[in-house]
Amino acid sequence: KKRELVAHITSGGRTNYADSVKGRFAISRD
């Protein structure tokens, strides 16, 4: 399969998730 975006986080902490992982995965950065 092709590479796909799972989750993204901006420097300000805003997040975005693929529909397939919403509610199950959580991205964070320190």
PDB file of all heavy atoms in Angstrom:
ATOM      1  N   LYS A   1       0.837  -1.209   0.000  1.00  0.00           N
ATOM      2  CA  LYS A   1       0.000   0.000   0.000  1.00  0.00           C
ATOM      3  C   LYS A   1       0.866   1.251   0.000  1.00  0.00           C
ATOM      4  O   LYS A   1       2.062   1.200   0.291  1.00  0.00           O
ATOM      5  CB  LYS A   1      -0.928   0.002   1.216  1.00  0.00           C
ATOM      6  CG  LYS A   1      -1.955  -1.124   1.208  1.00  0.00           C
ATOM      7  CD  LYS A   1      -2.997  -0.923   2.279  1.00  0.00           C
ATOM      8  CE  LYS A   1      -4.078  -1.989   2.199  1.00  0.00           C
ATOM      9  NZ  LYS A   1      -5.126  -1.798   3.248  1.00  0.00           N
ATOM     10  N   LYS A   2       0.227   2.377  -0.331  1.00  0.00           N
ATOM     11  CA  LYS A   2       0.927   3.647  -0.332  1.00  0.00           C
ATOM     12  C   LYS A   2       1.094   4.164   1.089  1.00  0.00           C
ATOM     13  O   LYS A   2       0.303   3.840   1.984  1.00  0.00           O
ATOM     14  CB  LYS A   2       0.148   4.666  -1.165  1.00  0.00           C
ATOM     15  CG  LYS A   2       0.081   4.322  -2.647  1.00  0.00           C
ATOM     16  CD  LYS A   2      -0.888   5.221  -3.396  1.00  0.00           C
ATOM     17  CE  LYS A   2      -0.417   6.649  -3.460  1.00  0.00           C
ATOM     18  NZ  LYS A   2      -1.291   7.485  -4.332  1.00  0.00           N
ATOM     19  N   ARG A   3       2.126   4.982   1.290  1.00  0.00           N
ATOM     20  CA  ARG A   3       2.321   5.595   2.596  1.00  0.00           C
ATOM     21  C   ARG A   3       1.188   6.589   2.847  1.00  0.00           C
ATOM     22  O   ARG A   3       0.810   7.356   1.957  1.00  0.00           O
ATOM     23  CB  ARG A   3       3.674   6.306   2.643  1.00  0.00           C
ATOM     24  CG  ARG A   3       4.083   6.744   4.020  1.00  0.00           C
ATOM     25  CD  ARG A   3       5.519   7.263   4.023  1.00  0.00           C
ATOM     26  NE  ARG A   3       6.484   6.232   3.663  1.00  0.00           N
ATOM     27  CZ  ARG A   3       7.802   6.391   3.778  1.00  0.00           C
ATOM     28  NH1 ARG A   3       8.296   7.535   4.236  1.00  0.00           N
ATOM     29  NH2 ARG A   3       8.614   5.426   3.430  1.00  0.00           N
ATOM     30  N   GLU A   4       0.662   6.592   4.069  1.00  0.00           N
ATOM     31  CA  GLU A   4      -0.458   7.470   4.401  1.00  0.00           C
ATOM     32  C   GLU A   4      -0.189   8.210   5.703  1.00  0.00           C
ATOM     33  O   GLU A   4       0.507   7.712   6.595  1.00  0.00           O
ATOM     34  CB  GLU A   4      -1.755   6.663   4.533  1.00  0.00           C
ATOM     35  CG  GLU A   4      -1.756   5.636   5.655  1.00  0.00           C
ATOM     36  CD  GLU A   4      -3.097   4.935   5.845  1.00  0.00           C
ATOM     37  OE1 GLU A   4      -4.063   5.276   5.162  1.00  0.00           O
ATOM     38  OE2 GLU A   4      -3.155   4.044   6.711  1.00  0.00           O
ATOM     39  N   LEU A   5      -0.794   9.387   5.804  1.00  0.00           N
ATOM     40  CA  LEU A   5      -0.694  10.168   7.027  1.00  0.00           C
ATOM     41  C   LEU A   5      -1.594   9.553   8.090  1.00  0.00           C
ATOM     42  O   LEU A   5      -2.767   9.305   7.848  1.00  0.00           O
ATOM     43  CB  LEU A   5      -1.114  11.614   6.771  1.00  0.00           C
ATOM     44  CG  LEU A   5      -1.160  12.531   7.984  1.00  0.00           C
ATOM     45  CD1 LEU A   5       0.223  12.743   8.563  1.00  0.00           C
ATOM     46  CD2 LEU A   5      -1.814  13.860   7.620  1.00  0.00           C
ATOM     47  N   VAL A   6      -1.044   9.332   9.264  1.00  0.00           N
ATOM     48  CA  VAL A   6      -1.805   8.806  10.396  1.00  0.00           C
ATOM     49  C   VAL A   6      -2.253   9.939  11.304  1.00  0.00           C
ATOM     50  O   VAL A   6      -3.419  10.036  11.676  1.00  0.00           O
ATOM     51  CB  VAL A   6      -0.961   7.803  11.202  1.00  0.00           C
ATOM     52  CG1 VAL A   6      -1.701   7.341  12.452  1.00  0.00           C
ATOM     53  CG2 VAL A   6      -0.569   6.615  10.334  1.00  0.00           C
ATOM     54  N   ALA A   7      -1.318  10.810  11.668  1.00  0.00           N
ATOM     55  CA  ALA A   7      -1.628  11.910  12.578  1.00  0.00           C
ATOM     56  C   ALA A   7      -0.606  13.007  12.381  1.00  0.00           C
ATOM     57  O   ALA A   7       0.552  12.739  12.051  1.00  0.00           O
ATOM     58  CB  ALA A   7      -1.625  11.429  14.021  1.00  0.00           C
ATOM     59  N   HIS A   8      -1.041  14.234  12.633  1.00  0.00           N
ATOM     60  CA  HIS A   8      -0.226  15.419  12.394  1.00  0.00           C
ATOM     61  C   HIS A   8      -0.422  16.355  13.569  1.00  0.00           C
ATOM     62  O   HIS A   8      -1.548  16.472  14.097  1.00  0.00           O
ATOM     63  CB  HIS A   8      -0.684  16.029  11.068  1.00  0.00           C
ATOM     64  CG  HIS A   8      -0.355  17.469  10.884  1.00  0.00           C
ATOM     65  ND1 HIS A   8      -1.300  18.387  10.437  1.00  0.00           N
ATOM     66  CD2 HIS A   8       0.792  18.154  11.070  1.00  0.00           C
ATOM     67  CE1 HIS A   8      -0.733  19.575  10.345  1.00  0.00           C
ATOM     68  NE2 HIS A   8       0.532  19.460  10.717  1.00  0.00           N
ATOM     69  N   ILE A   9       0.640  17.031  13.986  1.00  0.00           N
ATOM     70  CA  ILE A   9       0.536  18.020  15.050  1.00  0.00           C
ATOM     71  C   ILE A   9       1.357  19.237  14.666  1.00  0.00           C
ATOM     72  O   ILE A   9       2.498  19.130  14.216  1.00  0.00           O
ATOM     73  CB  ILE A   9       0.975  17.428  16.405  1.00  0.00           C
ATOM     74  CG1 ILE A   9       0.747  18.420  17.538  1.00  0.00           C
ATOM     75  CG2 ILE A   9       2.426  16.956  16.368  1.00  0.00           C
ATOM     76  CD1 ILE A   9       0.851  17.793  18.938  1.00  0.00           C
ATOM     77  N   THR A  10       0.770  20.416  14.848  1.00  0.00           N
ATOM     78  CA  THR A  10       1.472  21.646  14.550  1.00  0.00           C
ATOM     79  C   THR A  10       2.337  22.064  15.739  1.00  0.00           C
ATOM     80  O   THR A  10       2.232  21.494  16.834  1.00  0.00           O
ATOM     81  CB  THR A  10       0.489  22.772  14.233  1.00  0.00           C
ATOM     82  OG1 THR A  10      -0.232  23.111  15.430  1.00  0.00           O
ATOM     83  CG2 THR A  10      -0.506  22.351  13.160  1.00  0.00           C
ATOM     84  N   SER A  11       3.157  23.084  15.534  1.00  0.00           N
ATOM     85  CA  SER A  11       3.981  23.575  16.632  1.00  0.00           C
ATOM     86  C   SER A  11       3.117  24.151  17.747  1.00  0.00           C
ATOM     87  O   SER A  11       3.528  24.162  18.906  1.00  0.00           O
ATOM     88  CB  SER A  11       4.960  24.637  16.121  1.00  0.00           C
ATOM     89  OG  SER A  11       4.252  25.710  15.518  1.00  0.00           O
ATOM     90  N   GLY A  12       1.903  24.584  17.398  1.00  0.00           N
ATOM     91  CA  GLY A  12       0.980  25.118  18.392  1.00  0.00           C
ATOM     92  C   GLY A  12       0.140  24.065  19.084  1.00  0.00           C
ATOM     93  O   GLY A  12      -0.678  24.394  19.948  1.00  0.00           O
ATOM     94  N   GLY A  13       0.314  22.803  18.674  1.00  0.00           N
ATOM     95  CA  GLY A  13      -0.402  21.720  19.341  1.00  0.00           C
ATOM     96  C   GLY A  13      -1.700  21.300  18.677  1.00  0.00           C
ATOM     97  O   GLY A  13      -2.411  20.430  19.188  1.00  0.00           O
ATOM     98  N   ARG A  14      -2.014  21.887  17.530  1.00  0.00           N
ATOM     99  CA  ARG A  14      -3.240  21.481  16.842  1.00  0.00           C
ATOM    100  C   ARG A  14      -3.014  20.131  16.179  1.00  0.00           C
ATOM    101  O   ARG A  14      -1.964  19.904  15.576  1.00  0.00           O
ATOM    102  CB  ARG A  14      -3.630  22.528  15.809  1.00  0.00           C
ATOM    103  CG  ARG A  14      -5.070  22.435  15.366  1.00  0.00           C
ATOM    104  CD  ARG A  14      -5.543  23.730  14.767  1.00  0.00           C
ATOM    105  NE  ARG A  14      -4.689  24.180  13.680  1.00  0.00           N
ATOM    106  CZ  ARG A  14      -4.926  25.287  13.005  1.00  0.00           C
ATOM    107  NH1 ARG A  14      -5.959  26.037  13.308  1.00  0.00           N
ATOM    108  NH2 ARG A  14      -4.112  25.643  12.036  1.00  0.00           N
ATOM    109  N   THR A  15      -3.997  19.249  16.282  1.00  0.00           N
ATOM    110  CA  THR A  15      -3.826  17.879  15.780  1.00  0.00           C
ATOM    111  C   THR A  15      -4.840  17.547  14.695  1.00  0.00           C
ATOM    112  O   THR A  15      -5.914  18.138  14.599  1.00  0.00           O
ATOM    113  CB  THR A  15      -3.970  16.857  16.920  1.00  0.00           C
ATOM    114  OG1 THR A  15      -5.263  16.997  17.522  1.00  0.00           O
ATOM    115  CG2 THR A  15      -2.899  17.058  17.970  1.00  0.00           C
ATOM    116  N   ASN A  16      -4.473  16.554  13.904  1.00  0.00           N
ATOM    117  CA  ASN A  16      -5.324  16.069  12.834  1.00  0.00           C
ATOM    118  C   ASN A  16      -5.058  14.569  12.698  1.00  0.00           C
ATOM    119  O   ASN A  16      -3.900  14.130  12.791  1.00  0.00           O
ATOM    120  CB  ASN A  16      -4.973  16.783  11.520  1.00  0.00           C
ATOM    121  CG  ASN A  16      -5.832  16.318  10.372  1.00  0.00           C
ATOM    122  OD1 ASN A  16      -7.040  16.260  10.488  1.00  0.00           O
ATOM    123  ND2 ASN A  16      -5.195  15.948   9.275  1.00  0.00           N
ATOM    124  N   TYR A  17      -6.131  13.781  12.506  1.00  0.00           N
ATOM    125  CA  TYR A  17      -5.992  12.330  12.440  1.00  0.00           C
ATOM    126  C   TYR A  17      -6.666  11.754  11.203  1.00  0.00           C
ATOM    127  O   TYR A  17      -7.683  12.277  10.730  1.00  0.00           O
ATOM    128  CB  TYR A  17      -6.635  11.676  13.678  1.00  0.00           C
ATOM    129  CG  TYR A  17      -5.973  12.030  14.977  1.00  0.00           C
ATOM    130  CD1 TYR A  17      -6.421  13.115  15.730  1.00  0.00           C
ATOM    131  CD2 TYR A  17      -4.898  11.281  15.453  1.00  0.00           C
ATOM    132  CE1 TYR A  17      -5.803  13.451  16.918  1.00  0.00           C
ATOM    133  CE2 TYR A  17      -4.277  11.601  16.654  1.00  0.00           C
ATOM    134  CZ  TYR A  17      -4.735  12.689  17.373  1.00  0.00           C
ATOM    135  OH  TYR A  17      -4.124  13.015  18.561  1.00  0.00           O
ATOM    136  N   ALA A  18      -6.122  10.655  10.735  1.00  0.00           N
ATOM    137  CA  ALA A  18      -6.816   9.886   9.704  1.00  0.00           C
ATOM    138  C   ALA A  18      -8.098   9.328  10.320  1.00  0.00           C
ATOM    139  O   ALA A  18      -8.129   8.982  11.506  1.00  0.00           O
ATOM    140  CB  ALA A  18      -5.931   8.749   9.210  1.00  0.00           C
ATOM    141  N   ASP A  19      -9.143   9.239   9.506  1.00  0.00           N
ATOM    142  CA  ASP A  19     -10.429   8.750  10.021  1.00  0.00           C
ATOM    143  C   ASP A  19     -10.284   7.359  10.641  1.00  0.00           C
ATOM    144  O   ASP A  19     -10.964   7.034  11.624  1.00  0.00           O
ATOM    145  CB  ASP A  19     -11.449   8.695   8.886  1.00  0.00           C
ATOM    146  CG  ASP A  19     -11.928  10.077   8.476  1.00  0.00           C
ATOM    147  OD1 ASP A  19     -11.730  11.033   9.261  1.00  0.00           O
ATOM    148  OD2 ASP A  19     -12.493  10.201   7.378  1.00  0.00           O
ATOM    149  N   SER A  20      -9.397   6.551  10.087  1.00  0.00           N
ATOM    150  CA  SER A  20      -9.272   5.172  10.539  1.00  0.00           C
ATOM    151  C   SER A  20      -8.698   5.036  11.946  1.00  0.00           C
ATOM    152  O   SER A  20      -8.813   3.969  12.561  1.00  0.00           O
ATOM    153  CB  SER A  20      -8.389   4.380   9.557  1.00  0.00           C
ATOM    154  OG  SER A  20      -7.111   4.979   9.464  1.00  0.00           O
ATOM    155  N   VAL A  21      -8.088   6.114  12.471  1.00  0.00           N
ATOM    156  CA  VAL A  21      -7.473   6.019  13.803  1.00  0.00           C
ATOM    157  C   VAL A  21      -8.093   6.978  14.810  1.00  0.00           C
ATOM    158  O   VAL A  21      -7.706   6.967  15.987  1.00  0.00           O
ATOM    159  CB  VAL A  21      -5.948   6.254  13.733  1.00  0.00           C
ATOM    160  CG1 VAL A  21      -5.303   5.321  12.720  1.00  0.00           C
ATOM    161  CG2 VAL A  21      -5.616   7.706  13.434  1.00  0.00           C
ATOM    162  N   LYS A  22      -9.033   7.788  14.381  1.00  0.00           N
ATOM    163  CA  LYS A  22      -9.667   8.751  15.295  1.00  0.00           C
ATOM    164  C   LYS A  22     -10.286   8.025  16.482  1.00  0.00           C
ATOM    165  O   LYS A  22     -10.978   7.022  16.309  1.00  0.00           O
ATOM    166  CB  LYS A  22     -10.735   9.554  14.554  1.00  0.00           C
ATOM    167  CG  LYS A  22     -10.199  10.698  13.746  1.00  0.00           C
ATOM    168  CD  LYS A  22     -11.319  11.467  13.049  1.00  0.00           C
ATOM    169  CE  LYS A  22     -10.737  12.562  12.174  1.00  0.00           C
ATOM    170  NZ  LYS A  22     -11.791  13.246  11.386  1.00  0.00           N
ATOM    171  N   GLY A  23     -10.029   8.556  17.665  1.00  0.00           N
ATOM    172  CA  GLY A  23     -10.578   7.961  18.879  1.00  0.00           C
ATOM    173  C   GLY A  23      -9.733   6.837  19.449  1.00  0.00           C
ATOM    174  O   GLY A  23      -9.979   6.376  20.570  1.00  0.00           O
ATOM    175  N   ARG A  24      -8.748   6.367  18.681  1.00  0.00           N
ATOM    176  CA  ARG A  24      -7.882   5.282  19.158  1.00  0.00           C
ATOM    177  C   ARG A  24      -6.431   5.732  19.331  1.00  0.00           C
ATOM    178  O   ARG A  24      -5.731   5.257  20.218  1.00  0.00           O
ATOM    179  CB  ARG A  24      -7.922   4.105  18.168  1.00  0.00           C
ATOM    180  CG  ARG A  24      -9.295   3.498  17.987  1.00  0.00           C
ATOM    181  CD  ARG A  24      -9.231   2.220  17.168  1.00  0.00           C
ATOM    182  NE  ARG A  24      -8.726   2.451  15.808  1.00  0.00           N
ATOM    183  CZ  ARG A  24      -7.637   1.858  15.322  1.00  0.00           C
ATOM    184  NH1 ARG A  24      -6.933   1.000  16.048  1.00  0.00           N
ATOM    185  NH2 ARG A  24      -7.255   2.099  14.075  1.00  0.00           N
ATOM    186  N   PHE A  25      -5.971   6.631  18.471  1.00  0.00           N
ATOM    187  CA  PHE A  25      -4.583   7.094  18.504  1.00  0.00           C
ATOM    188  C   PHE A  25      -4.533   8.528  19.014  1.00  0.00           C
ATOM    189  O   PHE A  25      -5.463   9.307  18.793  1.00  0.00           O
ATOM    190  CB  PHE A  25      -3.973   7.057  17.107  1.00  0.00           C
ATOM    191  CG  PHE A  25      -3.714   5.676  16.545  1.00  0.00           C
ATOM    192  CD1 PHE A  25      -4.227   4.535  17.144  1.00  0.00           C
ATOM    193  CD2 PHE A  25      -2.938   5.533  15.410  1.00  0.00           C
ATOM    194  CE1 PHE A  25      -3.995   3.278  16.622  1.00  0.00           C
ATOM    195  CE2 PHE A  25      -2.683   4.281  14.871  1.00  0.00           C
ATOM    196  CZ  PHE A  25      -3.223   3.154  15.473  1.00  0.00           C
ATOM    197  N   ALA A  26      -3.417   8.875  19.650  1.00  0.00           N
ATOM    198  CA  ALA A  26      -3.203  10.237  20.120  1.00  0.00           C
ATOM    199  C   ALA A  26      -1.761  10.640  19.861  1.00  0.00           C
ATOM    200  O   ALA A  26      -0.832   9.949  20.301  1.00  0.00           O
ATOM    201  CB  ALA A  26      -3.534  10.352  21.599  1.00  0.00           C
ATOM    202  N   ILE A  27      -1.601  11.757  19.164  1.00  0.00           N
ATOM    203  CA  ILE A  27      -0.273  12.279  18.865  1.00  0.00           C
ATOM    204  C   ILE A  27       0.058  13.392  19.850  1.00  0.00           C
ATOM    205  O   ILE A  27      -0.823  14.155  20.260  1.00  0.00           O
ATOM    206  CB  ILE A  27      -0.197  12.790  17.401  1.00  0.00           C
ATOM    207  CG1 ILE A  27       1.239  13.140  17.016  1.00  0.00           C
ATOM    208  CG2 ILE A  27      -1.145  13.967  17.186  1.00  0.00           C
ATOM    209  CD1 ILE A  27       1.409  13.448  15.530  1.00  0.00           C
ATOM    210  N   SER A  28       1.315  13.482  20.235  1.00  0.00           N
ATOM    211  CA  SER A  28       1.744  14.555  21.131  1.00  0.00           C
ATOM    212  C   SER A  28       3.216  14.856  20.855  1.00  0.00           C
ATOM    213  O   SER A  28       3.931  14.048  20.263  1.00  0.00           O
ATOM    214  CB  SER A  28       1.528  14.173  22.597  1.00  0.00           C
ATOM    215  OG  SER A  28       2.268  13.013  22.940  1.00  0.00           O
ATOM    216  N   ARG A  29       3.622  16.023  21.297  1.00  0.00           N
ATOM    217  CA  ARG A  29       5.020  16.418  21.164  1.00  0.00           C
ATOM    218  C   ARG A  29       5.390  17.233  22.380  1.00  0.00           C
ATOM    219  O   ARG A  29       4.545  17.984  22.906  1.00  0.00           O
ATOM    220  CB  ARG A  29       5.258  17.221  19.878  1.00  0.00           C
ATOM    221  CG  ARG A  29       4.485  18.507  19.803  1.00  0.00           C
ATOM    222  CD  ARG A  29       4.558  19.140  18.412  1.00  0.00           C
ATOM    223  NE  ARG A  29       5.849  19.734  18.113  1.00  0.00           N
ATOM    224  CZ  ARG A  29       6.136  20.331  16.956  1.00  0.00           C
ATOM    225  NH1 ARG A  29       5.224  20.396  15.994  1.00  0.00           N
ATOM    226  NH2 ARG A  29       7.328  20.847  16.746  1.00  0.00           N
ATOM    227  N   ASP A  30       6.618  17.146  22.829  1.00  0.00           N
ATOM    228  CA  ASP A  30       6.998  17.970  23.974  1.00  0.00           C
ATOM    229  C   ASP A  30       7.965  19.076  23.584  1.00  0.00           C
ATOM    230  O   ASP A  30       8.254  19.941  24.373  1.00  0.00           O
ATOM    231  CB  ASP A  30       7.567  17.113  25.120  1.00  0.00           C
ATOM    232  CG  ASP A  30       8.712  16.244  24.685  1.00  0.00           C
ATOM    233  OD1 ASP A  30       9.262  16.471  23.597  1.00  0.00           O
ATOM    234  OD2 ASP A  30       9.053  15.328  25.450  1.00  0.00           O
TER     235      ASP A  30
END
